Amino acid sequence: GTPEECGWLRDRWGVSWQIAPRRLMEMIRGDDRAAAA
């Protein structure tokens, strides 16, 4: 496949995947907006 930015990749069939830590969304949507940024 092909690597892409931000944890994305396209597999050999062309399907787009995001491989991410479970914790990522907790950090990004948290109350500390500076930490999220």
All heavy atoms as atom14 arrays in JSON, in Angstrom:
{
  "sequence": "GTPEECGWLRDRWGVSWQIAPRRLMEMIRGDDRAAAA",
  "atom14_mask": [
    [1, 1, 1, 1, 0, 0, 0, 0, 0, 0, 0, 0, 0, 0],
    [1, 1, 1, 1, 1, 1, 1, 0, 0, 0, 0, 0, 0, 0],
    [1, 1, 1, 1, 1, 1, 1, 0, 0, 0, 0, 0, 0, 0],
    [1, 1, 1, 1, 1, 1, 1, 1, 1, 0, 0, 0, 0, 0],
    [1, 1, 1, 1, 1, 1, 1, 1, 1, 0, 0, 0, 0, 0],
    [1, 1, 1, 1, 1, 1, 0, 0, 0, 0, 0, 0, 0, 0],
    [1, 1, 1, 1, 0, 0, 0, 0, 0, 0, 0, 0, 0, 0],
    [1, 1, 1, 1, 1, 1, 1, 1, 1, 1, 1, 1, 1, 1],
    [1, 1, 1, 1, 1, 1, 1, 1, 0, 0, 0, 0, 0, 0],
    [1, 1, 1, 1, 1, 1, 1, 1, 1, 1, 1, 0, 0, 0],
    [1, 1, 1, 1, 1, 1, 1, 1, 0, 0, 0, 0, 0, 0],
    [1, 1, 1, 1, 1, 1, 1, 1, 1, 1, 1, 0, 0, 0],
    [1, 1, 1, 1, 1, 1, 1, 1, 1, 1, 1, 1, 1, 1],
    [1, 1, 1, 1, 0, 0, 0, 0, 0, 0, 0, 0, 0, 0],
    [1, 1, 1, 1, 1, 1, 1, 0, 0, 0, 0, 0, 0, 0],
    [1, 1, 1, 1, 1, 1, 0, 0, 0, 0, 0, 0, 0, 0],
    [1, 1, 1, 1, 1, 1, 1, 1, 1, 1, 1, 1, 1, 1],
    [1, 1, 1, 1, 1, 1, 1, 1, 1, 0, 0, 0, 0, 0],
    [1, 1, 1, 1, 1, 1, 1, 1, 0, 0, 0, 0, 0, 0],
    [1, 1, 1, 1, 1, 0, 0, 0, 0, 0, 0, 0, 0, 0],
    [1, 1, 1, 1, 1, 1, 1, 0, 0, 0, 0, 0, 0, 0],
    [1, 1, 1, 1, 1, 1, 1, 1, 1, 1, 1, 0, 0, 0],
    [1, 1, 1, 1, 1, 1, 1, 1, 1, 1, 1, 0, 0, 0],
    [1, 1, 1, 1, 1, 1, 1, 1, 0, 0, 0, 0, 0, 0],
    [1, 1, 1, 1, 1, 1, 1, 1, 0, 0, 0, 0, 0, 0],
    [1, 1, 1, 1, 1, 1, 1, 1, 1, 0, 0, 0, 0, 0],
    [1, 1, 1, 1, 1, 1, 1, 1, 0, 0, 0, 0, 0, 0],
    [1, 1, 1, 1, 1, 1, 1, 1, 0, 0, 0, 0, 0, 0],
    [1, 1, 1, 1, 1, 1, 1, 1, 1, 1, 1, 0, 0, 0],
    [1, 1, 1, 1, 0, 0, 0, 0, 0, 0, 0, 0, 0, 0],
    [1, 1, 1, 1, 1, 1, 1, 1, 0, 0, 0, 0, 0, 0],
    [1, 1, 1, 1, 1, 1, 1, 1, 0, 0, 0, 0, 0, 0],
    [1, 1, 1, 1, 1, 1, 1, 1, 1, 1, 1, 0, 0, 0],
    [1, 1, 1, 1, 1, 0, 0, 0, 0, 0, 0, 0, 0, 0],
    [1, 1, 1, 1, 1, 0, 0, 0, 0, 0, 0, 0, 0, 0],
    [1, 1, 1, 1, 1, 0, 0, 0, 0, 0, 0, 0, 0, 0],
    [1, 1, 1, 1, 1, 0, 0, 0, 0, 0, 0, 0, 0, 0]
  ],
  "atom14_positions": [
    [[0.81, -1.21, 0.0], [0.0, 0.0, 0.0], [0.84, 1.26, 0.0], [2.03, 1.23, -0.33], [0.0, 0.0, 0.0], [0.0, 0.0, 0.0], [0.0, 0.0, 0.0], [0.0, 0.0, 0.0], [0.0, 0.0, 0.0], [0.0, 0.0, 0.0], [0.0, 0.0, 0.0], [0.0, 0.0, 0.0], [0.0, 0.0, 0.0], [0.0, 0.0, 0.0]],
    [[0.22, 2.36, 0.43], [0.87, 3.66, 0.41], [0.67, 4.37, 1.75], [-0.48, 4.54, 2.18], [0.26, 4.54, -0.7], [0.3, 3.82, -1.93], [0.97, 5.86, -0.84], [0.0, 0.0, 0.0], [0.0, 0.0, 0.0], [0.0, 0.0, 0.0], [0.0, 0.0, 0.0], [0.0, 0.0, 0.0], [0.0, 0.0, 0.0], [0.0, 0.0, 0.0]],
    [[1.75, 4.82, 2.41], [1.58, 5.58, 3.65], [1.09, 6.99, 3.34], [1.39, 7.55, 2.28], [3.0, 5.61, 4.23], [3.9, 5.5, 3.05], [3.15, 4.66, 2.04], [0.0, 0.0, 0.0], [0.0, 0.0, 0.0], [0.0, 0.0, 0.0], [0.0, 0.0, 0.0], [0.0, 0.0, 0.0], [0.0, 0.0, 0.0], [0.0, 0.0, 0.0]],
    [[0.34, 7.54, 4.28], [-0.14, 8.9, 4.14], [0.04, 9.59, 5.49], [0.35, 8.95, 6.48], [-1.6, 8.9, 3.69], [-1.75, 8.23, 2.32], [-3.17, 8.18, 1.81], [-4.11, 8.47, 2.57], [-3.34, 7.84, 0.63], [0.0, 0.0, 0.0], [0.0, 0.0, 0.0], [0.0, 0.0, 0.0], [0.0, 0.0, 0.0], [0.0, 0.0, 0.0]],
    [[-0.16, 10.87, 5.54], [0.08, 11.59, 6.78], [-1.04, 11.38, 7.8], [-2.12, 10.9, 7.47], [0.28, 13.08, 6.51], [-0.85, 13.73, 5.77], [-0.5, 15.13, 5.3], [0.65, 15.4, 4.94], [-1.42, 15.96, 5.3], [0.0, 0.0, 0.0], [0.0, 0.0, 0.0], [0.0, 0.0, 0.0], [0.0, 0.0, 0.0], [0.0, 0.0, 0.0]],
    [[-0.73, 11.74, 9.04], [-1.69, 11.73, 10.15], [-2.22, 10.35, 10.5], [-3.36, 10.21, 10.95], [-2.85, 12.68, 9.89], [-2.35, 14.41, 9.69], [0.0, 0.0, 0.0], [0.0, 0.0, 0.0], [0.0, 0.0, 0.0], [0.0, 0.0, 0.0], [0.0, 0.0, 0.0], [0.0, 0.0, 0.0], [0.0, 0.0, 0.0], [0.0, 0.0, 0.0]],
    [[-1.42, 9.3, 10.28], [-1.84, 7.96, 10.65], [-2.68, 7.25, 9.61], [-3.23, 6.19, 9.88], [0.0, 0.0, 0.0], [0.0, 0.0, 0.0], [0.0, 0.0, 0.0], [0.0, 0.0, 0.0], [0.0, 0.0, 0.0], [0.0, 0.0, 0.0], [0.0, 0.0, 0.0], [0.0, 0.0, 0.0], [0.0, 0.0, 0.0], [0.0, 0.0, 0.0]],
    [[-2.79, 7.82, 8.42], [-3.57, 7.21, 7.35], [-2.67, 6.39, 6.45], [-1.49, 6.68, 6.3], [-4.24, 8.28, 6.49], [-5.39, 9.0, 7.12], [-5.38, 9.72, 8.27], [-6.71, 9.09, 6.61], [-6.61, 10.25, 8.51], [-7.46, 9.89, 7.5], [-7.33, 8.58, 5.48], [-8.79, 10.18, 7.3], [-8.68, 8.88, 5.28], [-9.39, 9.66, 6.18]],
    [[-3.26, 5.38, 5.82], [-2.6, 4.63, 4.76], [-3.66, 4.09, 3.83], [-4.83, 4.0, 4.2], [-1.71, 3.5, 5.33], [-2.38, 2.35, 6.09], [-2.87, 1.25, 5.15], [-1.4, 1.76, 7.08], [0.0, 0.0, 0.0], [0.0, 0.0, 0.0], [0.0, 0.0, 0.0], [0.0, 0.0, 0.0], [0.0, 0.0, 0.0], [0.0, 0.0, 0.0]],
    [[-3.23, 3.77, 2.63], [-4.1, 3.08, 1.67], [-3.51, 1.71, 1.48], [-2.32, 1.58, 1.19], [-4.16, 3.83, 0.34], [-4.92, 5.15, 0.47], [-4.89, 5.92, -0.82], [-5.76, 5.31, -1.8], [-6.96, 5.75, -2.13], [-7.44, 6.82, -1.55], [-7.68, 5.13, -3.03], [0.0, 0.0, 0.0], [0.0, 0.0, 0.0], [0.0, 0.0, 0.0]],
    [[-4.33, 0.68, 1.65], [-3.82, -0.68, 1.5], [-3.7, -1.04, 0.02], [-4.01, -0.23, -0.86], [-4.66, -1.69, 2.29], [-6.07, -1.92, 1.74], [-6.33, -1.66, 0.54], [-6.91, -2.41, 2.51], [0.0, 0.0, 0.0], [0.0, 0.0, 0.0], [0.0, 0.0, 0.0], [0.0, 0.0, 0.0], [0.0, 0.0, 0.0], [0.0, 0.0, 0.0]],
    [[-3.24, -2.24, -0.25], [-2.98, -2.64, -1.65], [-4.25, -2.7, -2.5], [-4.17, -2.72, -3.73], [-2.24, -3.97, -1.69], [-3.07, -5.15, -1.21], [-2.27, -6.42, -1.19], [-1.97, -6.73, 0.2], [-1.5, -7.86, 0.62], [-1.18, -8.8, -0.24], [-1.29, -8.07, 1.89], [0.0, 0.0, 0.0], [0.0, 0.0, 0.0], [0.0, 0.0, 0.0]],
    [[-5.43, -2.71, -1.87], [-6.69, -2.69, -2.61], [-7.26, -1.28, -2.75], [-8.3, -1.09, -3.36], [-7.71, -3.62, -1.95], [-7.28, -5.05, -2.0], [-7.41, -5.91, -3.07], [-6.59, -5.78, -1.0], [-6.85, -7.12, -2.77], [-6.33, -7.08, -1.49], [-6.15, -5.47, 0.29], [-5.69, -8.05, -0.77], [-5.49, -6.45, 1.03], [-5.26, -7.73, 0.5]],
    [[-6.59, -0.31, -2.13], [-7.03, 1.08, -2.22], [-7.9, 1.55, -1.08], [-8.33, 2.71, -1.07], [0.0, 0.0, 0.0], [0.0, 0.0, 0.0], [0.0, 0.0, 0.0], [0.0, 0.0, 0.0], [0.0, 0.0, 0.0], [0.0, 0.0, 0.0], [0.0, 0.0, 0.0], [0.0, 0.0, 0.0], [0.0, 0.0, 0.0], [0.0, 0.0, 0.0]],
    [[-8.19, 0.68, -0.11], [-9.01, 1.07, 1.05], [-8.19, 1.98, 1.96], [-7.03, 1.7, 2.25], [-9.5, -0.16, 1.83], [-10.27, 0.24, 3.08], [-10.36, -1.05, 0.93], [0.0, 0.0, 0.0], [0.0, 0.0, 0.0], [0.0, 0.0, 0.0], [0.0, 0.0, 0.0], [0.0, 0.0, 0.0], [0.0, 0.0, 0.0], [0.0, 0.0, 0.0]],
    [[-8.79, 3.09, 2.4], [-8.13, 4.02, 3.32], [-8.35, 3.58, 4.75], [-9.47, 3.25, 5.15], [-8.69, 5.44, 3.14], [-8.34, 5.95, 1.89], [0.0, 0.0, 0.0], [0.0, 0.0, 0.0], [0.0, 0.0, 0.0], [0.0, 0.0, 0.0], [0.0, 0.0, 0.0], [0.0, 0.0, 0.0], [0.0, 0.0, 0.0], [0.0, 0.0, 0.0]],
    [[-7.27, 3.57, 5.52], [-7.28, 3.18, 6.93], [-6.67, 4.3, 7.76], [-5.75, 4.98, 7.31], [-6.44, 1.93, 7.14], [-6.95, 0.71, 6.48], [-6.78, 0.34, 5.17], [-7.71, -0.34, 7.08], [-7.38, -0.86, 4.93], [-7.96, -1.31, 6.09], [-8.19, -0.54, 8.37], [-8.68, -2.46, 6.35], [-8.9, -1.7, 8.63], [-9.15, -2.64, 7.62]],
    [[-7.16, 4.43, 8.98], [-6.53, 5.26, 9.99], [-6.12, 4.32, 11.13], [-6.98, 3.64, 11.69], [-7.49, 6.31, 10.53], [-7.97, 7.3, 9.49], [-8.94, 8.27, 10.1], [-8.61, 9.04, 10.99], [-10.18, 8.23, 9.61], [0.0, 0.0, 0.0], [0.0, 0.0, 0.0], [0.0, 0.0, 0.0], [0.0, 0.0, 0.0], [0.0, 0.0, 0.0]],
    [[-4.84, 4.29, 11.44], [-4.35, 3.45, 12.53], [-3.91, 4.41, 13.62], [-2.93, 5.15, 13.46], [-3.17, 2.56, 12.07], [-3.5, 1.84, 10.75], [-2.8, 1.58, 13.18], [-4.76, 1.0, 10.77], [0.0, 0.0, 0.0], [0.0, 0.0, 0.0], [0.0, 0.0, 0.0], [0.0, 0.0, 0.0], [0.0, 0.0, 0.0], [0.0, 0.0, 0.0]],
    [[-4.66, 4.44, 14.71], [-4.46, 5.49, 15.71], [-4.52, 4.93, 17.13], [-5.21, 3.95, 17.38], [-5.54, 6.55, 15.54], [0.0, 0.0, 0.0], [0.0, 0.0, 0.0], [0.0, 0.0, 0.0], [0.0, 0.0, 0.0], [0.0, 0.0, 0.0], [0.0, 0.0, 0.0], [0.0, 0.0, 0.0], [0.0, 0.0, 0.0], [0.0, 0.0, 0.0]],
    [[-3.81, 5.59, 18.05], [-3.94, 5.19, 19.44], [-5.33, 5.57, 19.96], [-5.85, 6.64, 19.63], [-2.85, 5.99, 20.16], [-2.47, 7.1, 19.24], [-2.86, 6.68, 17.86], [0.0, 0.0, 0.0], [0.0, 0.0, 0.0], [0.0, 0.0, 0.0], [0.0, 0.0, 0.0], [0.0, 0.0, 0.0], [0.0, 0.0, 0.0], [0.0, 0.0, 0.0]],
    [[-5.89, 4.69, 20.75], [-7.21, 4.95, 21.36], [-7.19, 6.27, 22.13], [-8.15, 7.02, 22.15], [-7.58, 3.79, 22.29], [-8.97, 3.84, 22.84], [-9.3, 2.62, 23.7], [-8.86, 1.37, 23.13], [-9.51, 0.65, 22.21], [-10.66, 1.09, 21.75], [-9.03, -0.49, 21.77], [0.0, 0.0, 0.0], [0.0, 0.0, 0.0], [0.0, 0.0, 0.0]],
    [[-6.07, 6.57, 22.73], [-5.91, 7.77, 23.57], [-5.97, 9.08, 22.75], [-6.26, 10.14, 23.31], [-4.58, 7.65, 24.31], [-4.18, 8.82, 25.12], [-4.49, 8.65, 26.58], [-3.84, 9.73, 27.31], [-4.43, 10.88, 27.59], [-5.7, 11.09, 27.26], [-3.79, 11.84, 28.23], [0.0, 0.0, 0.0], [0.0, 0.0, 0.0], [0.0, 0.0, 0.0]],
    [[-5.73, 9.02, 21.47], [-5.65, 10.25, 20.65], [-6.91, 11.09, 20.75], [-6.83, 12.3, 20.98], [-5.37, 9.9, 19.18], [-5.33, 11.07, 18.21], [-4.22, 12.05, 18.58], [-5.16, 10.57, 16.79], [0.0, 0.0, 0.0], [0.0, 0.0, 0.0], [0.0, 0.0, 0.0], [0.0, 0.0, 0.0], [0.0, 0.0, 0.0], [0.0, 0.0, 0.0]],
    [[-8.06, 10.52, 20.58], [-9.3, 11.31, 20.62], [-9.55, 11.89, 22.0], [-10.09, 12.99, 22.12], [-10.49, 10.49, 20.13], [-10.44, 10.19, 18.62], [-10.11, 11.64, 17.57], [-11.55, 12.63, 17.88], [0.0, 0.0, 0.0], [0.0, 0.0, 0.0], [0.0, 0.0, 0.0], [0.0, 0.0, 0.0], [0.0, 0.0, 0.0], [0.0, 0.0, 0.0]],
    [[-9.15, 11.18, 23.05], [-9.29, 11.74, 24.4], [-8.46, 13.01, 24.53], [-8.91, 13.99, 25.11], [-8.81, 10.72, 25.45], [-9.64, 9.48, 25.55], [-8.98, 8.42, 26.43], [-7.99, 8.73, 27.13], [-9.47, 7.28, 26.41], [0.0, 0.0, 0.0], [0.0, 0.0, 0.0], [0.0, 0.0, 0.0], [0.0, 0.0, 0.0], [0.0, 0.0, 0.0]],
    [[-7.23, 12.98, 23.99], [-6.35, 14.15, 24.07], [-6.9, 15.31, 23.23], [-6.91, 16.45, 23.67], [-4.94, 13.79, 23.6], [-4.22, 12.83, 24.54], [-2.49, 12.55, 24.1], [-2.66, 11.31, 22.8], [0.0, 0.0, 0.0], [0.0, 0.0, 0.0], [0.0, 0.0, 0.0], [0.0, 0.0, 0.0], [0.0, 0.0, 0.0], [0.0, 0.0, 0.0]],
    [[-7.37, 15.01, 22.03], [-7.82, 16.08, 21.13], [-9.14, 16.71, 21.58], [-9.35, 17.91, 21.42], [-7.92, 15.55, 19.69], [-6.51, 15.33, 19.15], [-8.7, 16.5, 18.79], [-6.44, 14.72, 17.78], [0.0, 0.0, 0.0], [0.0, 0.0, 0.0], [0.0, 0.0, 0.0], [0.0, 0.0, 0.0], [0.0, 0.0, 0.0], [0.0, 0.0, 0.0]],
    [[-10.02, 15.94, 22.19], [-11.31, 16.51, 22.59], [-11.34, 16.94, 24.05], [-12.38, 17.35, 24.55], [-12.44, 15.55, 22.27], [-12.47, 14.32, 23.12], [-13.71, 13.48, 22.83], [-13.63, 12.25, 23.59], [-13.54, 11.05, 23.06], [-13.56, 10.9, 21.77], [-13.44, 9.99, 23.83], [0.0, 0.0, 0.0], [0.0, 0.0, 0.0], [0.0, 0.0, 0.0]],
    [[-10.2, 16.88, 24.72], [-10.14, 17.25, 26.13], [-10.41, 18.72, 26.39], [-10.43, 19.55, 25.47], [0.0, 0.0, 0.0], [0.0, 0.0, 0.0], [0.0, 0.0, 0.0], [0.0, 0.0, 0.0], [0.0, 0.0, 0.0], [0.0, 0.0, 0.0], [0.0, 0.0, 0.0], [0.0, 0.0, 0.0], [0.0, 0.0, 0.0], [0.0, 0.0, 0.0]],
    [[-10.61, 19.04, 27.65], [-10.93, 20.42, 28.06], [-9.74, 21.37, 27.9], [-9.95, 22.56, 27.69], [-11.4, 20.44, 29.52], [-12.76, 19.77, 29.69], [-13.53, 19.72, 28.71], [-13.04, 19.3, 30.81], [0.0, 0.0, 0.0], [0.0, 0.0, 0.0], [0.0, 0.0, 0.0], [0.0, 0.0, 0.0], [0.0, 0.0, 0.0], [0.0, 0.0, 0.0]],
    [[-8.53, 20.85, 27.99], [-7.34, 21.7, 27.83], [-7.11, 21.89, 26.34], [-6.47, 21.07, 25.67], [-6.14, 21.03, 28.51], [-4.88, 21.88, 28.47], [-4.8, 22.8, 27.62], [-3.96, 21.61, 29.27], [0.0, 0.0, 0.0], [0.0, 0.0, 0.0], [0.0, 0.0, 0.0], [0.0, 0.0, 0.0], [0.0, 0.0, 0.0], [0.0, 0.0, 0.0]],
    [[-7.62, 23.0, 25.8], [-7.58, 23.24, 24.35], [-6.15, 23.49, 23.86], [-5.83, 23.18, 22.73], [-8.51, 24.39, 23.97], [-9.99, 24.16, 24.33], [-10.52, 22.76, 23.99], [-10.45, 22.46, 22.58], [-10.36, 21.24, 22.06], [-10.35, 20.18, 22.85], [-10.3, 21.05, 20.77], [0.0, 0.0, 0.0], [0.0, 0.0, 0.0], [0.0, 0.0, 0.0]],
    [[-5.29, 24.05, 24.71], [-3.89, 24.25, 24.31], [-3.2, 22.9, 24.15], [-2.45, 22.68, 23.19], [-3.16, 25.13, 25.31], [0.0, 0.0, 0.0], [0.0, 0.0, 0.0], [0.0, 0.0, 0.0], [0.0, 0.0, 0.0], [0.0, 0.0, 0.0], [0.0, 0.0, 0.0], [0.0, 0.0, 0.0], [0.0, 0.0, 0.0], [0.0, 0.0, 0.0]],
    [[-3.46, 21.99, 25.08], [-2.89, 20.63, 24.99], [-3.44, 19.91, 23.76], [-2.71, 19.21, 23.05], [-3.18, 19.85, 26.26], [0.0, 0.0, 0.0], [0.0, 0.0, 0.0], [0.0, 0.0, 0.0], [0.0, 0.0, 0.0], [0.0, 0.0, 0.0], [0.0, 0.0, 0.0], [0.0, 0.0, 0.0], [0.0, 0.0, 0.0], [0.0, 0.0, 0.0]],
    [[-4.73, 20.09, 23.5], [-5.34, 19.48, 22.32], [-4.7, 20.01, 21.04], [-4.42, 19.25, 20.11], [-6.85, 19.74, 22.31], [0.0, 0.0, 0.0], [0.0, 0.0, 0.0], [0.0, 0.0, 0.0], [0.0, 0.0, 0.0], [0.0, 0.0, 0.0], [0.0, 0.0, 0.0], [0.0, 0.0, 0.0], [0.0, 0.0, 0.0], [0.0, 0.0, 0.0]],
    [[-4.45, 21.31, 20.99], [-3.83, 21.91, 19.81], [-2.4, 21.4, 19.62], [-2.0, 21.1, 18.49], [-3.84, 23.44, 19.94], [0.0, 0.0, 0.0], [0.0, 0.0, 0.0], [0.0, 0.0, 0.0], [0.0, 0.0, 0.0], [0.0, 0.0, 0.0], [0.0, 0.0, 0.0], [0.0, 0.0, 0.0], [0.0, 0.0, 0.0], [0.0, 0.0, 0.0]]
  ]
}
